[in-house]
């Protein structure tokens, strides 16, 4: 699987089937890398997940729509 490397300000599509998240989001923090291809990414969701618009997802669940840099 191809891992993306989003930056703050990027618009991304988040699809996390297990968590039930499938929407557009804005990256609001730097990814926290565990190794070169594995990271957790803080995002601001366009649809609330469990009542909250802020979530941290794995970069394998993120597809960059617009590199806003």
C-alpha atoms as a PDB file:
ATOM      1  CA  UNK A   1       0.000   0.000   0.000  1.00  0.00           C
ATOM      2  CA  UNK A   2       1.202   3.493  -0.873  1.00  0.00           C
ATOM      3  CA  UNK A   3       1.508   5.790   2.133  1.00  0.00           C
ATOM      4  CA  UNK A   4       1.018   9.508   1.647  1.00  0.00           C
ATOM      5  CA  UNK A   5       2.908  12.184   3.514  1.00  0.00           C
ATOM      6  CA  UNK A   6       0.418  14.989   4.192  1.00  0.00           C
ATOM      7  CA  UNK A   7       1.464  18.407   5.482  1.00  0.00           C
ATOM      8  CA  UNK A   8      -0.428  20.996   7.552  1.00  0.00           C
ATOM      9  CA  UNK A   9      -3.045  22.692   5.378  1.00  0.00           C
ATOM     10  CA  UNK A  10      -3.539  19.802   2.941  1.00  0.00           C
ATOM     11  CA  UNK A  11      -7.095  18.787   2.146  1.00  0.00           C
ATOM     12  CA  UNK A  12      -7.389  15.017   2.331  1.00  0.00           C
ATOM     13  CA  UNK A  13      -9.989  12.294   1.950  1.00  0.00           C
ATOM     14  CA  UNK A  14     -10.102  10.112   5.057  1.00  0.00           C
ATOM     15  CA  UNK A  15     -11.452   6.582   4.755  1.00  0.00           C
ATOM     16  CA  UNK A  16     -11.152   4.571   7.963  1.00  0.00           C
ATOM     17  CA  UNK A  17     -13.642   1.716   7.655  1.00  0.00           C
ATOM     18  CA  UNK A  18     -13.095   0.312  11.155  1.00  0.00           C
ATOM     19  CA  UNK A  19     -13.730   3.705  12.779  1.00  0.00           C
ATOM     20  CA  UNK A  20     -16.573   4.586  10.420  1.00  0.00           C
ATOM     21  CA  UNK A  21     -14.863   7.736   9.101  1.00  0.00           C
ATOM     22  CA  UNK A  22     -15.346   8.527   5.410  1.00  0.00           C
ATOM     23  CA  UNK A  23     -15.144  12.246   4.610  1.00  0.00           C
ATOM     24  CA  UNK A  24     -12.959  15.138   3.556  1.00  0.00           C
ATOM     25  CA  UNK A  25     -10.646  16.586   6.208  1.00  0.00           C
ATOM     26  CA  UNK A  26      -8.032  19.280   6.717  1.00  0.00           C
ATOM     27  CA  UNK A  27      -4.626  18.339   8.129  1.00  0.00           C
ATOM     28  CA  UNK A  28      -4.135  20.516  11.223  1.00  0.00           C
ATOM     29  CA  UNK A  29      -0.903  19.168  12.680  1.00  0.00           C
ATOM     30  CA  UNK A  30       2.371  17.574  11.685  1.00  0.00           C
ATOM     31  CA  UNK A  31       2.244  13.801  11.172  1.00  0.00           C
ATOM     32  CA  UNK A  32       3.856  11.812  13.977  1.00  0.00           C
ATOM     33  CA  UNK A  33       6.107   9.306  12.171  1.00  0.00           C
ATOM     34  CA  UNK A  34       6.860   5.862  13.585  1.00  0.00           C
ATOM     35  CA  UNK A  35       9.059   4.935  10.612  1.00  0.00           C
ATOM     36  CA  UNK A  36       9.414   6.451   7.086  1.00  0.00           C
ATOM     37  CA  UNK A  37       6.029   5.107   5.907  1.00  0.00           C
ATOM     38  CA  UNK A  38       3.927   4.897   9.085  1.00  0.00           C
ATOM     39  CA  UNK A  39       2.442   7.946  10.778  1.00  0.00           C
ATOM     40  CA  UNK A  40      -0.535   9.252  12.701  1.00  0.00           C
ATOM     41  CA  UNK A  41      -2.089  12.377  11.215  1.00  0.00           C
ATOM     42  CA  UNK A  42      -4.168  14.960  13.146  1.00  0.00           C
ATOM     43  CA  UNK A  43      -7.111  16.141  11.017  1.00  0.00           C
ATOM     44  CA  UNK A  44     -10.193  18.329  11.236  1.00  0.00           C
ATOM     45  CA  UNK A  45     -13.130  16.353   9.818  1.00  0.00           C
ATOM     46  CA  UNK A  46     -15.917  17.828   7.668  1.00  0.00           C
ATOM     47  CA  UNK A  47     -18.433  15.501   9.386  1.00  0.00           C
ATOM     48  CA  UNK A  48     -18.325  14.822  13.137  1.00  0.00           C
ATOM     49  CA  UNK A  49     -17.119  11.400  14.260  1.00  0.00           C
ATOM     50  CA  UNK A  50     -18.631  10.364  17.583  1.00  0.00           C
ATOM     51  CA  UNK A  51     -19.542  14.021  18.143  1.00  0.00           C
ATOM     52  CA  UNK A  52     -16.045  15.378  17.547  1.00  0.00           C
ATOM     53  CA  UNK A  53     -14.588  17.083  14.481  1.00  0.00           C
ATOM     54  CA  UNK A  54     -10.966  16.471  15.485  1.00  0.00           C
ATOM     55  CA  UNK A  55      -9.426  13.047  14.974  1.00  0.00           C
ATOM     56  CA  UNK A  56      -6.052  11.401  14.546  1.00  0.00           C
ATOM     57  CA  UNK A  57      -5.896   8.840  11.751  1.00  0.00           C
ATOM     58  CA  UNK A  58      -3.210   6.651  10.242  1.00  0.00           C
ATOM     59  CA  UNK A  59      -1.644   7.959   7.050  1.00  0.00           C
ATOM     60  CA  UNK A  60      -2.717   4.785   5.219  1.00  0.00           C
ATOM     61  CA  UNK A  61      -6.327   6.019   5.675  1.00  0.00           C
ATOM     62  CA  UNK A  62      -5.543   9.379   4.045  1.00  0.00           C
ATOM     63  CA  UNK A  63      -5.545  10.344   0.359  1.00  0.00           C
ATOM     64  CA  UNK A  64      -4.300  13.850  -0.471  1.00  0.00           C
ATOM     65  CA  UNK A  65      -6.871  15.795  -2.517  1.00  0.00           C
ATOM     66  CA  UNK A  66      -5.181  19.201  -2.594  1.00  0.00           C
ATOM     67  CA  UNK A  67      -1.645  19.978  -1.511  1.00  0.00           C
ATOM     68  CA  UNK A  68      -2.229  23.384   0.011  1.00  0.00           C
ATOM     69  CA  UNK A  69       1.368  24.606   0.084  1.00  0.00           C
END
